[in-house]
């Protein structure tokens, strides 16, 4: 089984998975501050499938994934515009799996709710 929240990063400028990209997962508390849940790096396929234990219960609320995109492109000796990409999303059905892909290039990005 995999984490209830997963991500996958594709470097669309190179047509390859974004390998070894640092990812942080946080949840917003009732006070409005962000609590760190996990830190990880994408694997050889550009995935983080183990951000949380598979058995971890998800609470409803706001979550945030932050990707260290500037460091990723710097390691490739490529210029980039966004030092970080942050995706905030809401979990309303805690029993579901949430997959949040990131399509990345040095000067743009997009995201969607995956399956």
N, C-alpha and C. Protein backbone atom coordinates (compact mmCIF):
# COMPACT_ATOMS: atom_id res chain seq x y z
N UNK A 1 0.84 -1.19 0.00
CA UNK A 1 0.00 0.00 0.00
C UNK A 1 0.88 1.25 0.00
N UNK A 2 0.31 2.35 -0.47
CA UNK A 2 1.07 3.58 -0.54
C UNK A 2 0.44 4.65 0.34
N UNK A 3 1.16 5.71 0.48
CA UNK A 3 0.72 6.86 1.26
C UNK A 3 -0.64 7.34 0.78
N UNK A 4 -1.49 7.87 1.66
CA UNK A 4 -2.78 8.42 1.21
C UNK A 4 -2.63 9.70 0.39
N UNK A 5 -1.46 10.34 0.46
CA UNK A 5 -1.15 11.50 -0.38
C UNK A 5 0.14 11.16 -1.13
N UNK A 6 0.08 11.24 -2.45
CA UNK A 6 1.26 10.96 -3.28
C UNK A 6 1.43 12.08 -4.30
N UNK A 7 2.62 12.13 -4.89
CA UNK A 7 2.89 13.10 -5.93
C UNK A 7 3.81 12.49 -6.98
N UNK A 8 3.83 13.11 -8.13
CA UNK A 8 4.66 12.67 -9.25
C UNK A 8 5.07 13.93 -9.99
N UNK A 9 6.36 14.10 -10.23
CA UNK A 9 6.84 15.31 -10.89
C UNK A 9 7.49 14.93 -12.22
N UNK A 10 6.97 15.52 -13.29
CA UNK A 10 7.52 15.32 -14.62
C UNK A 10 8.17 16.61 -15.09
N UNK A 11 9.42 16.53 -15.51
CA UNK A 11 10.14 17.67 -16.06
C UNK A 11 9.80 17.71 -17.55
N UNK A 12 8.82 18.53 -17.90
CA UNK A 12 8.33 18.56 -19.27
C UNK A 12 9.34 19.20 -20.23
N UNK A 13 10.28 19.97 -19.71
CA UNK A 13 11.30 20.57 -20.58
C UNK A 13 12.30 19.54 -21.06
N UNK A 14 12.47 18.47 -20.30
CA UNK A 14 13.42 17.42 -20.66
C UNK A 14 12.73 16.13 -21.07
N UNK A 15 11.42 16.06 -20.85
CA UNK A 15 10.68 14.84 -21.17
C UNK A 15 11.04 13.69 -20.26
N UNK A 16 11.38 14.00 -18.99
CA UNK A 16 11.85 12.99 -18.05
C UNK A 16 11.22 13.21 -16.67
N UNK A 17 11.20 12.17 -15.84
CA UNK A 17 10.79 12.37 -14.45
C UNK A 17 11.79 13.31 -13.76
N UNK A 18 11.31 14.10 -12.84
CA UNK A 18 12.17 14.98 -12.04
C UNK A 18 12.70 14.16 -10.87
N UNK A 19 13.94 13.73 -10.97
CA UNK A 19 14.56 12.84 -9.99
C UNK A 19 15.25 13.65 -8.89
N UNK A 20 15.09 13.20 -7.65
CA UNK A 20 15.77 13.76 -6.48
C UNK A 20 15.33 15.19 -6.16
N UNK A 21 14.08 15.51 -6.44
CA UNK A 21 13.54 16.83 -6.14
C UNK A 21 12.96 16.80 -4.72
N UNK A 22 13.37 17.74 -3.87
CA UNK A 22 12.90 17.79 -2.48
C UNK A 22 11.43 18.21 -2.42
N UNK A 23 10.66 17.48 -1.58
CA UNK A 23 9.22 17.72 -1.42
C UNK A 23 8.89 17.79 0.06
N UNK A 24 8.08 18.77 0.43
CA UNK A 24 7.57 18.89 1.81
C UNK A 24 6.06 18.78 1.78
N UNK A 25 5.50 18.08 2.76
CA UNK A 25 4.05 17.99 2.93
C UNK A 25 3.70 18.59 4.28
N UNK A 26 2.75 19.53 4.26
CA UNK A 26 2.31 20.19 5.50
C UNK A 26 0.79 20.22 5.54
N UNK A 27 0.26 20.38 6.76
CA UNK A 27 -1.18 20.54 6.96
C UNK A 27 -1.40 21.81 7.77
N UNK A 28 -2.45 22.55 7.40
CA UNK A 28 -2.77 23.77 8.13
C UNK A 28 -3.53 23.43 9.40
N UNK A 29 -3.09 24.00 10.51
CA UNK A 29 -3.77 23.77 11.79
C UNK A 29 -4.99 24.67 11.90
N UNK A 30 -5.76 24.46 12.94
CA UNK A 30 -6.94 25.31 13.16
C UNK A 30 -6.55 26.76 13.41
N UNK A 31 -5.33 26.99 13.89
CA UNK A 31 -4.84 28.35 14.14
C UNK A 31 -4.35 29.02 12.86
N UNK A 32 -4.20 28.24 11.77
CA UNK A 32 -3.78 28.80 10.50
C UNK A 32 -2.31 28.63 10.18
N UNK A 33 -1.53 28.09 11.13
CA UNK A 33 -0.12 27.85 10.84
C UNK A 33 0.03 26.48 10.17
N UNK A 34 1.19 26.25 9.56
CA UNK A 34 1.43 25.01 8.82
C UNK A 34 2.29 24.06 9.64
N UNK A 35 1.85 22.82 9.75
CA UNK A 35 2.55 21.78 10.50
C UNK A 35 3.20 20.81 9.51
N UNK A 36 4.50 20.61 9.65
CA UNK A 36 5.23 19.69 8.78
C UNK A 36 4.79 18.25 9.06
N UNK A 37 4.40 17.55 8.00
CA UNK A 37 4.02 16.13 8.11
C UNK A 37 5.11 15.22 7.56
N UNK A 38 5.78 15.67 6.50
CA UNK A 38 6.79 14.81 5.87
C UNK A 38 7.71 15.63 4.98
N UNK A 39 8.92 15.12 4.82
CA UNK A 39 9.88 15.62 3.85
C UNK A 39 10.45 14.42 3.13
N UNK A 40 10.62 14.55 1.83
CA UNK A 40 11.11 13.42 1.05
C UNK A 40 11.70 13.96 -0.25
N UNK A 41 12.18 13.05 -1.09
CA UNK A 41 12.69 13.39 -2.41
C UNK A 41 12.05 12.45 -3.43
N UNK A 42 11.88 12.95 -4.63
CA UNK A 42 11.31 12.10 -5.67
C UNK A 42 12.30 10.99 -6.02
N UNK A 43 11.75 9.84 -6.40
CA UNK A 43 12.58 8.69 -6.76
C UNK A 43 12.98 8.75 -8.24
N UNK A 44 13.52 7.66 -8.76
CA UNK A 44 14.01 7.61 -10.14
C UNK A 44 12.87 7.77 -11.17
N UNK A 45 11.63 7.57 -10.72
CA UNK A 45 10.48 7.76 -11.60
C UNK A 45 9.80 9.10 -11.33
N UNK A 46 10.41 9.95 -10.50
CA UNK A 46 9.83 11.25 -10.19
C UNK A 46 8.69 11.19 -9.20
N UNK A 47 8.56 10.09 -8.47
CA UNK A 47 7.42 9.90 -7.57
C UNK A 47 7.81 9.97 -6.10
N UNK A 48 6.87 10.40 -5.29
CA UNK A 48 6.91 10.27 -3.83
C UNK A 48 5.66 9.51 -3.44
N UNK A 49 5.82 8.22 -3.24
CA UNK A 49 4.68 7.38 -2.88
C UNK A 49 4.65 7.04 -1.40
N UNK A 50 5.63 7.53 -0.65
CA UNK A 50 5.72 7.18 0.76
C UNK A 50 5.84 8.42 1.65
N UNK A 51 5.11 9.48 1.32
CA UNK A 51 5.13 10.68 2.15
C UNK A 51 4.59 10.40 3.54
N UNK A 52 3.52 9.63 3.61
CA UNK A 52 2.91 9.26 4.89
C UNK A 52 2.80 7.74 4.95
N UNK A 53 2.77 7.18 6.14
CA UNK A 53 2.53 5.73 6.22
C UNK A 53 1.18 5.39 5.58
N UNK A 54 1.12 4.24 4.94
CA UNK A 54 -0.12 3.82 4.26
C UNK A 54 -1.30 3.77 5.22
N UNK A 55 -1.03 3.48 6.48
CA UNK A 55 -2.11 3.38 7.47
C UNK A 55 -2.43 4.71 8.13
N UNK A 56 -1.74 5.78 7.75
CA UNK A 56 -1.96 7.08 8.38
C UNK A 56 -3.36 7.60 8.11
N UNK A 57 -4.11 7.92 9.16
CA UNK A 57 -5.44 8.50 8.92
C UNK A 57 -5.30 9.94 8.44
N UNK A 58 -6.08 10.30 7.46
CA UNK A 58 -6.08 11.68 6.96
C UNK A 58 -7.19 12.46 7.63
N UNK A 59 -6.87 13.64 8.05
CA UNK A 59 -7.89 14.55 8.55
C UNK A 59 -8.35 15.43 7.40
N UNK A 60 -9.58 15.88 7.45
CA UNK A 60 -10.02 16.84 6.45
C UNK A 60 -9.33 18.17 6.74
N UNK A 61 -9.15 18.97 5.71
CA UNK A 61 -8.52 20.26 5.89
C UNK A 61 -7.63 20.64 4.73
N UNK A 62 -6.84 21.70 4.94
CA UNK A 62 -5.95 22.20 3.91
C UNK A 62 -4.56 21.59 4.06
N UNK A 63 -4.00 21.18 2.93
CA UNK A 63 -2.66 20.59 2.88
C UNK A 63 -1.84 21.39 1.88
N UNK A 64 -0.52 21.29 2.04
CA UNK A 64 0.37 22.03 1.16
C UNK A 64 1.57 21.15 0.80
N UNK A 65 1.82 21.04 -0.50
CA UNK A 65 3.03 20.40 -1.02
C UNK A 65 3.94 21.51 -1.52
N UNK A 66 5.20 21.49 -1.12
CA UNK A 66 6.17 22.47 -1.58
C UNK A 66 7.33 21.72 -2.23
N UNK A 67 7.64 22.11 -3.44
CA UNK A 67 8.68 21.47 -4.24
C UNK A 67 9.85 22.45 -4.39
N UNK A 68 11.07 22.01 -4.11
CA UNK A 68 12.28 22.85 -4.21
C UNK A 68 12.76 22.86 -5.66
N UNK A 69 12.02 23.53 -6.52
CA UNK A 69 12.28 23.50 -7.95
C UNK A 69 13.55 24.25 -8.34
N UNK A 70 13.86 25.33 -7.64
CA UNK A 70 15.08 26.08 -7.93
C UNK A 70 16.32 25.22 -7.72
N UNK A 71 16.37 24.50 -6.61
CA UNK A 71 17.50 23.61 -6.33
C UNK A 71 17.60 22.50 -7.37
N UNK A 72 16.46 21.99 -7.78
CA UNK A 72 16.42 20.92 -8.79
C UNK A 72 17.07 21.41 -10.10
N UNK A 73 16.62 22.56 -10.61
CA UNK A 73 17.17 23.06 -11.86
C UNK A 73 18.62 23.52 -11.71
N UNK A 74 18.98 24.07 -10.55
CA UNK A 74 20.36 24.46 -10.31
C UNK A 74 21.28 23.24 -10.39
N UNK A 75 20.85 22.10 -9.85
CA UNK A 75 21.66 20.87 -9.91
C UNK A 75 21.85 20.40 -11.35
N UNK A 76 20.93 20.78 -12.23
CA UNK A 76 21.04 20.44 -13.65
C UNK A 76 21.75 21.54 -14.45
N UNK A 77 22.20 22.57 -13.75
CA UNK A 77 22.86 23.73 -14.38
C UNK A 77 21.94 24.42 -15.38
N UNK A 78 20.65 24.50 -15.01
CA UNK A 78 19.66 25.17 -15.86
C UNK A 78 19.07 26.37 -15.12
N UNK A 79 18.90 27.50 -15.79
CA UNK A 79 18.23 28.63 -15.15
C UNK A 79 16.75 28.32 -14.95
N UNK A 80 16.16 28.93 -13.92
CA UNK A 80 14.72 28.75 -13.70
C UNK A 80 14.16 30.01 -13.05
N UNK A 81 12.86 30.14 -13.11
CA UNK A 81 12.18 31.33 -12.61
C UNK A 81 11.59 31.13 -11.22
N UNK A 82 11.10 29.93 -10.93
CA UNK A 82 10.42 29.65 -9.67
C UNK A 82 11.33 28.88 -8.72
N UNK A 83 11.78 29.48 -7.61
CA UNK A 83 12.62 28.75 -6.67
C UNK A 83 11.86 27.64 -5.94
N UNK A 84 10.57 27.83 -5.77
CA UNK A 84 9.70 26.83 -5.15
C UNK A 84 8.37 26.83 -5.88
N UNK A 85 7.74 25.69 -5.89
CA UNK A 85 6.34 25.58 -6.34
C UNK A 85 5.57 25.05 -5.14
N UNK A 86 4.52 25.77 -4.77
CA UNK A 86 3.69 25.38 -3.65
C UNK A 86 2.28 25.12 -4.15
N UNK A 87 1.75 23.97 -3.79
CA UNK A 87 0.39 23.59 -4.18
C UNK A 87 -0.41 23.39 -2.90
N UNK A 88 -1.45 24.17 -2.74
CA UNK A 88 -2.35 24.04 -1.59
C UNK A 88 -3.62 23.37 -2.09
N UNK A 89 -4.06 22.34 -1.37
CA UNK A 89 -5.26 21.61 -1.76
C UNK A 89 -6.05 21.24 -0.53
N UNK A 90 -7.33 20.95 -0.75
CA UNK A 90 -8.23 20.65 0.37
C UNK A 90 -8.68 19.20 0.31
N UNK A 91 -8.59 18.54 1.45
CA UNK A 91 -9.09 17.18 1.59
C UNK A 91 -10.44 17.25 2.29
N UNK A 92 -11.47 16.77 1.59
CA UNK A 92 -12.82 16.80 2.16
C UNK A 92 -13.33 15.39 2.43
N UNK A 93 -12.73 14.39 1.82
CA UNK A 93 -13.11 12.99 2.03
C UNK A 93 -11.86 12.24 2.46
N UNK A 94 -11.70 12.08 3.75
CA UNK A 94 -10.45 11.56 4.30
C UNK A 94 -10.18 10.09 3.95
N UNK A 95 -11.16 9.36 3.47
CA UNK A 95 -10.96 7.96 3.13
C UNK A 95 -10.41 7.77 1.71
N UNK A 96 -10.36 8.84 0.93
CA UNK A 96 -9.89 8.74 -0.45
C UNK A 96 -8.37 8.88 -0.54
N UNK A 97 -7.83 8.46 -1.67
CA UNK A 97 -6.41 8.66 -1.98
C UNK A 97 -6.29 9.97 -2.76
N UNK A 98 -5.25 10.75 -2.47
CA UNK A 98 -5.03 12.02 -3.14
C UNK A 98 -3.67 11.99 -3.84
N UNK A 99 -3.70 12.09 -5.16
CA UNK A 99 -2.49 12.12 -5.96
C UNK A 99 -2.41 13.50 -6.61
N UNK A 100 -1.31 14.21 -6.35
CA UNK A 100 -1.16 15.59 -6.80
C UNK A 100 0.09 15.68 -7.68
N UNK A 101 -0.05 15.48 -8.99
CA UNK A 101 1.09 15.57 -9.91
C UNK A 101 1.50 17.02 -10.18
N UNK A 102 2.77 17.17 -10.55
CA UNK A 102 3.30 18.47 -10.95
C UNK A 102 4.00 18.30 -12.29
N UNK A 103 3.57 19.08 -13.27
CA UNK A 103 4.23 19.14 -14.58
C UNK A 103 5.09 20.39 -14.55
N UNK A 104 6.40 20.22 -14.71
CA UNK A 104 7.35 21.27 -14.40
C UNK A 104 8.27 21.59 -15.58
N UNK A 105 8.55 22.88 -15.76
CA UNK A 105 9.59 23.34 -16.66
C UNK A 105 10.28 24.51 -15.96
N UNK A 106 11.42 24.97 -16.46
CA UNK A 106 12.12 26.05 -15.76
C UNK A 106 11.32 27.36 -15.63
N UNK A 107 10.37 27.58 -16.53
CA UNK A 107 9.65 28.85 -16.52
C UNK A 107 8.14 28.70 -16.43
N UNK A 108 7.67 27.53 -15.99
CA UNK A 108 6.24 27.33 -15.81
C UNK A 108 5.95 25.99 -15.19
N UNK A 109 4.71 25.84 -14.74
CA UNK A 109 4.28 24.57 -14.15
C UNK A 109 2.76 24.49 -14.19
N UNK A 110 2.26 23.27 -14.06
CA UNK A 110 0.82 23.07 -13.90
C UNK A 110 0.62 21.85 -13.01
N UNK A 111 -0.57 21.73 -12.49
CA UNK A 111 -0.89 20.64 -11.59
C UNK A 111 -2.36 20.28 -11.76
N UNK A 112 -2.73 19.15 -11.22
CA UNK A 112 -4.12 18.68 -11.29
C UNK A 112 -4.28 17.60 -10.25
N UNK A 113 -5.52 17.21 -9.99
CA UNK A 113 -5.75 16.08 -9.10
C UNK A 113 -5.72 14.82 -9.94
N UNK A 114 -4.77 13.97 -9.65
CA UNK A 114 -4.62 12.72 -10.38
C UNK A 114 -5.38 11.60 -9.72
N UNK A 115 -5.14 10.40 -10.19
CA UNK A 115 -5.82 9.22 -9.64
C UNK A 115 -4.81 8.25 -9.07
